[in-house]
Full PDB file with SEQRES, HELIX, SHEET, SSBOND, CRYST1, ORIGX, SCALE, CONECT and MASTER records, all heavy atoms in Angstrom:
SEQRES   1 A   36  ASN ILE ASN GLU VAL LEU SER LEU SER SER ILE MET PHE          
SEQRES   2 A   36  ARG MET LYS SER ASN ALA LEU LEU LEU THR ILE ILE THR          
SEQRES   3 A   36  THR VAL SER ALA LEU ALA ILE GLY LEU LEU                      
HELIX    1 AA1 ILE A    2  GLU A    4  1                                   3    
HELIX    2 AA2 VAL A    5  SER A    9  3                                   5    
HELIX    3 AA3 SER A   10  ARG A   14  1                                   5    
HELIX    4 AA4 LYS A   16  ASN A   18  5                                   3    
HELIX    5 AA5 ALA A   19  LEU A   35  1                                  17    
CRYST1    1.000    1.000    1.000  90.00  90.00  90.00 P 1           1          
ORIGX1      1.000000  0.000000  0.000000        0.00000                         
ORIGX2      0.000000  1.000000  0.000000        0.00000                         
ORIGX3      0.000000  0.000000  1.000000        0.00000                         
SCALE1      1.000000  0.000000  0.000000        0.00000                         
SCALE2      0.000000  1.000000  0.000000        0.00000                         
SCALE3      0.000000  0.000000  1.000000        0.00000                         
ATOM      1  N   ASN A   1      -8.485   3.030 -28.298  1.00  0.00           N  
ATOM      2  CA  ASN A   1      -9.949   3.011 -28.302  1.00  0.00           C  
ATOM      3  C   ASN A   1     -10.468   3.821 -27.120  1.00  0.00           C  
ATOM      4  O   ASN A   1      -9.697   4.327 -26.297  1.00  0.00           O  
ATOM      5  CB  ASN A   1     -10.477   1.565 -28.279  1.00  0.00           C  
ATOM      6  CG  ASN A   1     -10.033   0.803 -27.040  1.00  0.00           C  
ATOM      7  OD1 ASN A   1      -9.943   1.360 -25.948  1.00  0.00           O  
ATOM      8  ND2 ASN A   1      -9.748  -0.486 -27.207  1.00  0.00           N  
ATOM      9  N   ILE A   2     -11.785   3.942 -27.033  1.00  0.00           N  
ATOM     10  CA  ILE A   2     -12.393   4.809 -26.029  1.00  0.00           C  
ATOM     11  C   ILE A   2     -12.043   4.360 -24.610  1.00  0.00           C  
ATOM     12  O   ILE A   2     -11.808   5.184 -23.721  1.00  0.00           O  
ATOM     13  CB  ILE A   2     -13.941   4.868 -26.217  1.00  0.00           C  
ATOM     14  CG1 ILE A   2     -14.561   5.881 -25.232  1.00  0.00           C  
ATOM     15  CG2 ILE A   2     -14.560   3.494 -26.061  1.00  0.00           C  
ATOM     16  CD1 ILE A   2     -14.109   7.295 -25.439  1.00  0.00           C  
ATOM     17  N   ASN A   3     -11.976   3.028 -24.375  1.00  0.00           N  
ATOM     18  CA  ASN A   3     -11.627   2.528 -23.048  1.00  0.00           C  
ATOM     19  C   ASN A   3     -10.214   2.926 -22.664  1.00  0.00           C  
ATOM     20  O   ASN A   3      -9.944   3.304 -21.517  1.00  0.00           O  
ATOM     21  CB  ASN A   3     -11.755   0.998 -23.003  1.00  0.00           C  
ATOM     22  CG  ASN A   3     -13.189   0.540 -23.158  1.00  0.00           C  
ATOM     23  OD1 ASN A   3     -14.125   1.280 -22.839  1.00  0.00           O  
ATOM     24  ND2 ASN A   3     -13.375  -0.685 -23.644  1.00  0.00           N  
ATOM     25  N   GLU A   4      -9.287   2.844 -23.612  1.00  0.00           N  
ATOM     26  CA  GLU A   4      -7.888   3.193 -23.339  1.00  0.00           C  
ATOM     27  C   GLU A   4      -7.711   4.695 -23.160  1.00  0.00           C  
ATOM     28  O   GLU A   4      -6.878   5.139 -22.367  1.00  0.00           O  
ATOM     29  CB  GLU A   4      -7.001   2.673 -24.470  1.00  0.00           C  
ATOM     30  CG  GLU A   4      -6.918   1.158 -24.492  1.00  0.00           C  
ATOM     31  CD  GLU A   4      -6.466   0.606 -25.838  1.00  0.00           C  
ATOM     32  OE1 GLU A   4      -6.520   1.344 -26.841  1.00  0.00           O  
ATOM     33  OE2 GLU A   4      -6.073  -0.570 -25.876  1.00  0.00           O  
ATOM     34  N   VAL A   5      -8.490   5.488 -23.875  1.00  0.00           N  
ATOM     35  CA  VAL A   5      -8.420   6.943 -23.722  1.00  0.00           C  
ATOM     36  C   VAL A   5      -8.850   7.345 -22.314  1.00  0.00           C  
ATOM     37  O   VAL A   5      -8.214   8.192 -21.664  1.00  0.00           O  
ATOM     38  CB  VAL A   5      -9.308   7.644 -24.775  1.00  0.00           C  
ATOM     39  CG1 VAL A   5      -9.473   9.125 -24.431  1.00  0.00           C  
ATOM     40  CG2 VAL A   5      -8.711   7.488 -26.159  1.00  0.00           C  
ATOM     41  N   LEU A   6      -9.927   6.731 -21.828  1.00  0.00           N  
ATOM     42  CA  LEU A   6     -10.466   7.096 -20.521  1.00  0.00           C  
ATOM     43  C   LEU A   6      -9.669   6.508 -19.360  1.00  0.00           C  
ATOM     44  O   LEU A   6      -9.752   7.019 -18.242  1.00  0.00           O  
ATOM     45  CB  LEU A   6     -11.921   6.634 -20.412  1.00  0.00           C  
ATOM     46  CG  LEU A   6     -12.921   7.378 -21.306  1.00  0.00           C  
ATOM     47  CD1 LEU A   6     -14.290   6.721 -21.224  1.00  0.00           C  
ATOM     48  CD2 LEU A   6     -13.022   8.842 -20.910  1.00  0.00           C  
ATOM     49  N   SER A   7      -8.911   5.450 -19.610  1.00  0.00           N  
ATOM     50  CA  SER A   7      -8.172   4.811 -18.520  1.00  0.00           C  
ATOM     51  C   SER A   7      -6.669   5.034 -18.639  1.00  0.00           C  
ATOM     52  O   SER A   7      -6.063   5.731 -17.821  1.00  0.00           O  
ATOM     53  CB  SER A   7      -8.475   3.311 -18.492  1.00  0.00           C  
ATOM     54  OG  SER A   7      -8.156   2.705 -19.741  1.00  0.00           O  
ATOM     55  N   LEU A   8      -6.070   4.502 -19.694  1.00  0.00           N  
ATOM     56  CA  LEU A   8      -4.617   4.544 -19.846  1.00  0.00           C  
ATOM     57  C   LEU A   8      -4.088   5.972 -19.907  1.00  0.00           C  
ATOM     58  O   LEU A   8      -3.173   6.354 -19.172  1.00  0.00           O  
ATOM     59  CB  LEU A   8      -4.212   3.770 -21.100  1.00  0.00           C  
ATOM     60  CG  LEU A   8      -2.715   3.540 -21.308  1.00  0.00           C  
ATOM     61  CD1 LEU A   8      -2.168   2.627 -20.235  1.00  0.00           C  
ATOM     62  CD2 LEU A   8      -2.453   2.937 -22.688  1.00  0.00           C  
ATOM     63  N   SER A   9      -4.669   6.783 -20.773  1.00  0.00           N  
ATOM     64  CA  SER A   9      -4.182   8.154 -20.952  1.00  0.00           C  
ATOM     65  C   SER A   9      -4.354   8.973 -19.683  1.00  0.00           C  
ATOM     66  O   SER A   9      -3.463   9.729 -19.279  1.00  0.00           O  
ATOM     67  CB  SER A   9      -4.920   8.827 -22.111  1.00  0.00           C  
ATOM     68  OG  SER A   9      -4.688   8.132 -23.314  1.00  0.00           O  
ATOM     69  N   SER A  10      -5.515   8.838 -19.032  1.00  0.00           N  
ATOM     70  CA  SER A  10      -5.779   9.601 -17.818  1.00  0.00           C  
ATOM     71  C   SER A  10      -4.781   9.258 -16.721  1.00  0.00           C  
ATOM     72  O   SER A  10      -4.272  10.142 -16.026  1.00  0.00           O  
ATOM     73  CB  SER A  10      -7.207   9.326 -17.335  1.00  0.00           C  
ATOM     74  OG  SER A  10      -7.468  10.012 -16.139  1.00  0.00           O  
ATOM     75  N   ILE A  11      -4.480   7.964 -16.580  1.00  0.00           N  
ATOM     76  CA  ILE A  11      -3.532   7.532 -15.553  1.00  0.00           C  
ATOM     77  C   ILE A  11      -2.131   8.047 -15.867  1.00  0.00           C  
ATOM     78  O   ILE A  11      -1.402   8.509 -14.989  1.00  0.00           O  
ATOM     79  CB  ILE A  11      -3.534   5.990 -15.448  1.00  0.00           C  
ATOM     80  CG1 ILE A  11      -4.856   5.523 -14.839  1.00  0.00           C  
ATOM     81  CG2 ILE A  11      -2.382   5.495 -14.597  1.00  0.00           C  
ATOM     82  CD1 ILE A  11      -5.120   4.068 -14.995  1.00  0.00           C  
ATOM     83  N   MET A  12      -1.748   8.010 -17.153  1.00  0.00           N  
ATOM     84  CA  MET A  12      -0.429   8.502 -17.563  1.00  0.00           C  
ATOM     85  C   MET A  12      -0.212   9.941 -17.150  1.00  0.00           C  
ATOM     86  O   MET A  12       0.846  10.318 -16.653  1.00  0.00           O  
ATOM     87  CB  MET A  12      -0.291   8.402 -19.088  1.00  0.00           C  
ATOM     88  CG  MET A  12       0.108   7.046 -19.622  1.00  0.00           C  
ATOM     89  SD  MET A  12       0.395   7.139 -21.394  1.00  0.00           S  
ATOM     90  CE  MET A  12       1.811   8.226 -21.456  1.00  0.00           C  
ATOM     91  N   PHE A  13      -1.215  10.776 -17.347  1.00  0.00           N  
ATOM     92  CA  PHE A  13      -1.037  12.211 -17.174  1.00  0.00           C  
ATOM     93  C   PHE A  13      -1.286  12.692 -15.742  1.00  0.00           C  
ATOM     94  O   PHE A  13      -1.036  13.836 -15.421  1.00  0.00           O  
ATOM     95  CB  PHE A  13      -1.964  12.966 -18.136  1.00  0.00           C  
ATOM     96  CG  PHE A  13      -1.715  12.610 -19.581  1.00  0.00           C  
ATOM     97  CD1 PHE A  13      -2.760  12.522 -20.481  1.00  0.00           C  
ATOM     98  CD2 PHE A  13      -0.425  12.353 -20.029  1.00  0.00           C  
ATOM     99  CE1 PHE A  13      -2.526  12.190 -21.811  1.00  0.00           C  
ATOM    100  CE2 PHE A  13      -0.182  12.024 -21.355  1.00  0.00           C  
ATOM    101  CZ  PHE A  13      -1.233  11.942 -22.250  1.00  0.00           C  
ATOM    102  N   ARG A  14      -1.794  11.798 -14.871  1.00  0.00           N  
ATOM    103  CA  ARG A  14      -2.102  12.239 -13.508  1.00  0.00           C  
ATOM    104  C   ARG A  14      -1.283  11.520 -12.440  1.00  0.00           C  
ATOM    105  O   ARG A  14      -1.176  12.012 -11.324  1.00  0.00           O  
ATOM    106  CB  ARG A  14      -3.597  12.018 -13.211  1.00  0.00           C  
ATOM    107  CG  ARG A  14      -4.520  12.943 -13.982  1.00  0.00           C  
ATOM    108  CD  ARG A  14      -5.958  12.702 -13.570  1.00  0.00           C  
ATOM    109  NE  ARG A  14      -6.869  13.552 -14.323  1.00  0.00           N  
ATOM    110  CZ  ARG A  14      -7.233  14.779 -13.956  1.00  0.00           C  
ATOM    111  NH1 ARG A  14      -6.742  15.300 -12.857  1.00  0.00           N  
ATOM    112  NH2 ARG A  14      -8.071  15.492 -14.689  1.00  0.00           N  
ATOM    113  N   MET A  15      -0.732  10.364 -12.749  1.00  0.00           N  
ATOM    114  CA  MET A  15      -0.089   9.542 -11.730  1.00  0.00           C  
ATOM    115  C   MET A  15       1.107  10.236 -11.096  1.00  0.00           C  
ATOM    116  O   MET A  15       1.340  10.142  -9.894  1.00  0.00           O  
ATOM    117  CB  MET A  15       0.346   8.201 -12.332  1.00  0.00           C  
ATOM    118  CG  MET A  15       0.789   7.183 -11.316  1.00  0.00           C  
ATOM    119  SD  MET A  15      -0.522   6.699 -10.158  1.00  0.00           S  
ATOM    120  CE  MET A  15      -1.561   5.690 -11.212  1.00  0.00           C  
ATOM    121  N   LYS A  16       1.878  10.977 -11.893  1.00  0.00           N  
ATOM    122  CA  LYS A  16       3.097  11.598 -11.371  1.00  0.00           C  
ATOM    123  C   LYS A  16       2.791  12.608 -10.276  1.00  0.00           C  
ATOM    124  O   LYS A  16       3.485  12.667  -9.256  1.00  0.00           O  
ATOM    125  CB  LYS A  16       3.874  12.259 -12.513  1.00  0.00           C  
ATOM    126  CG  LYS A  16       5.203  12.856 -12.064  1.00  0.00           C  
ATOM    127  CD  LYS A  16       5.958  13.460 -13.227  1.00  0.00           C  
ATOM    128  CE  LYS A  16       7.274  14.066 -12.748  1.00  0.00           C  
ATOM    129  NZ  LYS A  16       8.036  14.680 -13.860  1.00  0.00           N  
ATOM    130  N   SER A  17       1.758  13.418 -10.461  1.00  0.00           N  
ATOM    131  CA  SER A  17       1.432  14.452  -9.475  1.00  0.00           C  
ATOM    132  C   SER A  17       0.911  13.856  -8.173  1.00  0.00           C  
ATOM    133  O   SER A  17       0.953  14.501  -7.126  1.00  0.00           O  
ATOM    134  CB  SER A  17       0.398  15.425 -10.046  1.00  0.00           C  
ATOM    135  OG  SER A  17      -0.800  14.739 -10.358  1.00  0.00           O  
ATOM    136  N   ASN A  18       0.429  12.615  -8.221  1.00  0.00           N  
ATOM    137  CA  ASN A  18      -0.091  11.946  -7.019  1.00  0.00           C  
ATOM    138  C   ASN A  18       0.930  10.992  -6.405  1.00  0.00           C  
ATOM    139  O   ASN A  18       0.593  10.206  -5.527  1.00  0.00           O  
ATOM    140  CB  ASN A  18      -1.361  11.161  -7.351  1.00  0.00           C  
ATOM    141  CG  ASN A  18      -2.488  12.064  -7.821  1.00  0.00           C  
ATOM    142  OD1 ASN A  18      -2.564  13.218  -7.420  1.00  0.00           O  
ATOM    143  ND2 ASN A  18      -3.354  11.546  -8.683  1.00  0.00           N  
ATOM    144  N   ALA A  19       2.189  11.039  -6.881  1.00  0.00           N  
ATOM    145  CA  ALA A  19       3.189  10.030  -6.514  1.00  0.00           C  
ATOM    146  C   ALA A  19       3.418   9.958  -5.004  1.00  0.00           C  
ATOM    147  O   ALA A  19       3.438   8.869  -4.421  1.00  0.00           O  
ATOM    148  CB  ALA A  19       4.507  10.307  -7.242  1.00  0.00           C  
ATOM    149  N   LEU A  20       3.606  11.105  -4.353  1.00  0.00           N  
ATOM    150  CA  LEU A  20       3.900  11.103  -2.916  1.00  0.00           C  
ATOM    151  C   LEU A  20       2.718  10.555  -2.118  1.00  0.00           C  
ATOM    152  O   LEU A  20       2.894   9.728  -1.214  1.00  0.00           O  
ATOM    153  CB  LEU A  20       4.247  12.517  -2.450  1.00  0.00           C  
ATOM    154  CG  LEU A  20       4.618  12.656  -0.969  1.00  0.00           C  
ATOM    155  CD1 LEU A  20       5.824  11.790  -0.645  1.00  0.00           C  
ATOM    156  CD2 LEU A  20       4.886  14.110  -0.611  1.00  0.00           C  
ATOM    157  N   LEU A  21       1.513  11.006  -2.457  1.00  0.00           N  
ATOM    158  CA  LEU A  21       0.312  10.521  -1.767  1.00  0.00           C  
ATOM    159  C   LEU A  21       0.171   9.013  -1.921  1.00  0.00           C  
ATOM    160  O   LEU A  21      -0.076   8.291  -0.945  1.00  0.00           O  
ATOM    161  CB  LEU A  21      -0.924  11.227  -2.315  1.00  0.00           C  
ATOM    162  CG  LEU A  21      -2.281  10.679  -1.856  1.00  0.00           C  
ATOM    163  CD1 LEU A  21      -2.472  10.918  -0.372  1.00  0.00           C  
ATOM    164  CD2 LEU A  21      -3.417  11.293  -2.663  1.00  0.00           C  
ATOM    165  N   LEU A  22       0.323   8.524  -3.150  1.00  0.00           N  
ATOM    166  CA  LEU A  22       0.169   7.090  -3.402  1.00  0.00           C  
ATOM    167  C   LEU A  22       1.267   6.284  -2.714  1.00  0.00           C  
ATOM    168  O   LEU A  22       1.028   5.163  -2.262  1.00  0.00           O  
ATOM    169  CB  LEU A  22       0.179   6.823  -4.909  1.00  0.00           C  
ATOM    170  CG  LEU A  22      -1.028   7.376  -5.680  1.00  0.00           C  
ATOM    171  CD1 LEU A  22      -0.838   7.190  -7.176  1.00  0.00           C  
ATOM    172  CD2 LEU A  22      -2.315   6.695  -5.230  1.00  0.00           C  
ATOM    173  N   THR A  23       2.475   6.857  -2.631  1.00  0.00           N  
ATOM    174  CA  THR A  23       3.575   6.172  -1.931  1.00  0.00           C  
ATOM    175  C   THR A  23       3.239   6.013  -0.448  1.00  0.00           C  
ATOM    176  O   THR A  23       3.457   4.941   0.132  1.00  0.00           O  
ATOM    177  CB  THR A  23       4.889   6.957  -2.091  1.00  0.00           C  
ATOM    178  OG1 THR A  23       5.208   7.062  -3.474  1.00  0.00           O  
ATOM    179  CG2 THR A  23       6.030   6.258  -1.368  1.00  0.00           C  
ATOM    180  N   ILE A  24       2.716   7.071   0.160  1.00  0.00           N  
ATOM    181  CA  ILE A  24       2.342   7.006   1.584  1.00  0.00           C  
ATOM    182  C   ILE A  24       1.233   5.982   1.799  1.00  0.00           C  
ATOM    183  O   ILE A  24       1.296   5.149   2.715  1.00  0.00           O  
ATOM    184  CB  ILE A  24       1.900   8.397   2.084  1.00  0.00           C  
ATOM    185  CG1 ILE A  24       3.085   9.369   2.059  1.00  0.00           C  
ATOM    186  CG2 ILE A  24       1.314   8.307   3.493  1.00  0.00           C  
ATOM    187  CD1 ILE A  24       2.708  10.804   2.314  1.00  0.00           C  
ATOM    188  N   ILE A  25       0.203   6.032   0.942  1.00  0.00           N  
ATOM    189  CA  ILE A  25      -0.911   5.085   1.065  1.00  0.00           C  
ATOM    190  C   ILE A  25      -0.418   3.650   0.894  1.00  0.00           C  
ATOM    191  O   ILE A  25      -0.778   2.750   1.654  1.00  0.00           O  
ATOM    192  CB  ILE A  25      -2.011   5.421   0.038  1.00  0.00           C  
ATOM    193  CG1 ILE A  25      -2.729   6.712   0.447  1.00  0.00           C  
ATOM    194  CG2 ILE A  25      -3.022   4.275  -0.078  1.00  0.00           C  
ATOM    195  CD1 ILE A  25      -3.758   7.185  -0.551  1.00  0.00           C  
ATOM    196  N   THR A  26       0.418   3.431  -0.118  1.00  0.00           N  
ATOM    197  CA  THR A  26       0.943   2.084  -0.378  1.00  0.00           C  
ATOM    198  C   THR A  26       1.788   1.586   0.785  1.00  0.00           C  
ATOM    199  O   THR A  26       1.643   0.438   1.228  1.00  0.00           O  
ATOM    200  CB  THR A  26       1.786   2.085  -1.661  1.00  0.00           C  
ATOM    201  OG1 THR A  26       0.978   2.505  -2.752  1.00  0.00           O  
ATOM    202  CG2 THR A  26       2.339   0.699  -1.947  1.00  0.00           C  
ATOM    203  N   THR A  27       2.675   2.441   1.301  1.00  0.00           N  
ATOM    204  CA  THR A  27       3.575   2.037   2.382  1.00  0.00           C  
ATOM    205  C   THR A  27       2.809   1.710   3.656  1.00  0.00           C  
ATOM    206  O   THR A  27       3.054   0.672   4.294  1.00  0.00           O  
ATOM    207  CB  THR A  27       4.603   3.152   2.662  1.00  0.00           C  
ATOM    208  OG1 THR A  27       5.321   3.447   1.453  1.00  0.00           O  
ATOM    209  CG2 THR A  27       5.593   2.725   3.729  1.00  0.00           C  
ATOM    210  N   VAL A  28       1.866   2.584   4.019  1.00  0.00           N  
ATOM    211  CA  VAL A  28       1.111   2.340   5.254  1.00  0.00           C  
ATOM    212  C   VAL A  28       0.167   1.146   5.076  1.00  0.00           C  
ATOM    213  O   VAL A  28      -0.063   0.383   6.020  1.00  0.00           O  
ATOM    214  CB  VAL A  28       0.345   3.603   5.693  1.00  0.00           C  
ATOM    215  CG1 VAL A  28      -0.392   3.370   6.996  1.00  0.00           C  
ATOM    216  CG2 VAL A  28       1.300   4.776   5.854  1.00  0.00           C  
ATOM    217  N   SER A  29      -0.374   0.964   3.869  1.00  0.00           N  
ATOM    218  CA  SER A  29      -1.202  -0.225   3.603  1.00  0.00           C  
ATOM    219  C   SER A  29      -0.376  -1.491   3.788  1.00  0.00           C  
ATOM    220  O   SER A  29      -0.825  -2.460   4.418  1.00  0.00           O  
ATOM    221  CB  SER A  29      -1.762  -0.172   2.176  1.00  0.00           C  
ATOM    222  OG  SER A  29      -2.704   0.848   2.028  1.00  0.00           O  
ATOM    223  N   ALA A  30       0.837  -1.488   3.222  1.00  0.00           N  
ATOM    224  CA  ALA A  30       1.725  -2.647   3.365  1.00  0.00           C  
ATOM    225  C   ALA A  30       2.056  -2.891   4.830  1.00  0.00           C  
ATOM    226  O   ALA A  30       2.089  -4.042   5.293  1.00  0.00           O  
ATOM    227  CB  ALA A  30       3.004  -2.424   2.559  1.00  0.00           C  
ATOM    228  N   LEU A  31       2.292  -1.801   5.573  1.00  0.00           N  
ATOM    229  CA  LEU A  31       2.602  -1.924   6.997  1.00  0.00           C  
ATOM    230  C   LEU A  31       1.416  -2.514   7.761  1.00  0.00           C  
ATOM    231  O   LEU A  31       1.583  -3.427   8.583  1.00  0.00           O  
ATOM    232  CB  LEU A  31       2.960  -0.547   7.557  1.00  0.00           C  
ATOM    233  CG  LEU A  31       3.407  -0.492   9.017  1.00  0.00           C  
ATOM    234  CD1 LEU A  31       4.718  -1.246   9.197  1.00  0.00           C  
ATOM    235  CD2 LEU A  31       3.572   0.946   9.475  1.00  0.00           C  
ATOM    236  N   ALA A  32       0.216  -2.008   7.477  1.00  0.00           N  
ATOM    237  CA  ALA A  32      -0.977  -2.511   8.163  1.00  0.00           C  
ATOM    238  C   ALA A  32      -1.224  -3.983   7.844  1.00  0.00           C  
ATOM    239  O   ALA A  32      -1.478  -4.794   8.745  1.00  0.00           O  
ATOM    240  CB  ALA A  32      -2.193  -1.669   7.759  1.00  0.00           C  
ATOM    241  N   ILE A  33      -1.147  -4.332   6.557  1.00  0.00           N  
ATOM    242  CA  ILE A  33      -1.377  -5.726   6.152  1.00  0.00           C  
ATOM    243  C   ILE A  33      -0.301  -6.631   6.751  1.00  0.00           C  
ATOM    244  O   ILE A  33      -0.594  -7.726   7.257  1.00  0.00           O  
ATOM    245  CB  ILE A  33      -1.390  -5.854   4.615  1.00  0.00           C  
ATOM    246  CG1 ILE A  33      -2.563  -5.059   4.022  1.00  0.00           C  
ATOM    247  CG2 ILE A  33      -1.501  -7.319   4.195  1.00  0.00           C  
ATOM    248  CD1 ILE A  33      -2.497  -4.917   2.515  1.00  0.00           C  
ATOM    249  N   GLY A  34       0.959  -6.178   6.695  1.00  0.00           N  
ATOM    250  CA  GLY A  34       2.057  -6.987   7.210  1.00  0.00           C  
ATOM    251  C   GLY A  34       1.956  -7.226   8.707  1.00  0.00           C  
ATOM    252  O   GLY A  34       2.083  -8.364   9.179  1.00  0.00           O  
ATOM    253  N   LEU A  35       1.704  -6.159   9.483  1.00  0.00           N  
ATOM    254  CA  LEU A  35       1.609  -6.305  10.936  1.00  0.00           C  
ATOM    255  C   LEU A  35       0.417  -7.166  11.334  1.00  0.00           C  
ATOM    256  O   LEU A  35       0.518  -7.996  12.245  1.00  0.00           O  
ATOM    257  CB  LEU A  35       1.507  -4.930  11.589  1.00  0.00           C  
ATOM    258  CG  LEU A  35       2.775  -4.075  11.574  1.00  0.00           C  
ATOM    259  CD1 LEU A  35       2.506  -2.703  12.169  1.00  0.00           C  
ATOM    260  CD2 LEU A  35       3.911  -4.757  12.330  1.00  0.00           C  
ATOM    261  N   LEU A  36      -0.707  -6.964  10.646  1.00  0.00           N  
ATOM    262  CA  LEU A  36      -1.892  -7.760  10.960  1.00  0.00           C  
ATOM    263  C   LEU A  36      -1.654  -9.224  10.601  1.00  0.00           C  
ATOM    264  O   LEU A  36      -2.060 -10.128  11.341  1.00  0.00           O  
ATOM    265  CB  LEU A  36      -3.108  -7.214  10.210  1.00  0.00           C  
ATOM    266  CG  LEU A  36      -4.475  -7.763  10.638  1.00  0.00           C  
ATOM    267  CD1 LEU A  36      -4.687  -7.591  12.131  1.00  0.00           C  
ATOM    268  CD2 LEU A  36      -5.588  -7.079   9.869  1.00  0.00           C  
TER     269      LEU A  36                                                      
MASTER        0    0    0    5    0    0    0    6  268    1    0    3          
END                                                                             
């Protein structure tokens, strides 16, 4: 449906190219939350 086209499909086709950036953000977020 239209909601899945705009969300699921878009994430499928873009997530891989952002993998390194998201890994850095996730890791440092976890570090900040954990240390705090």
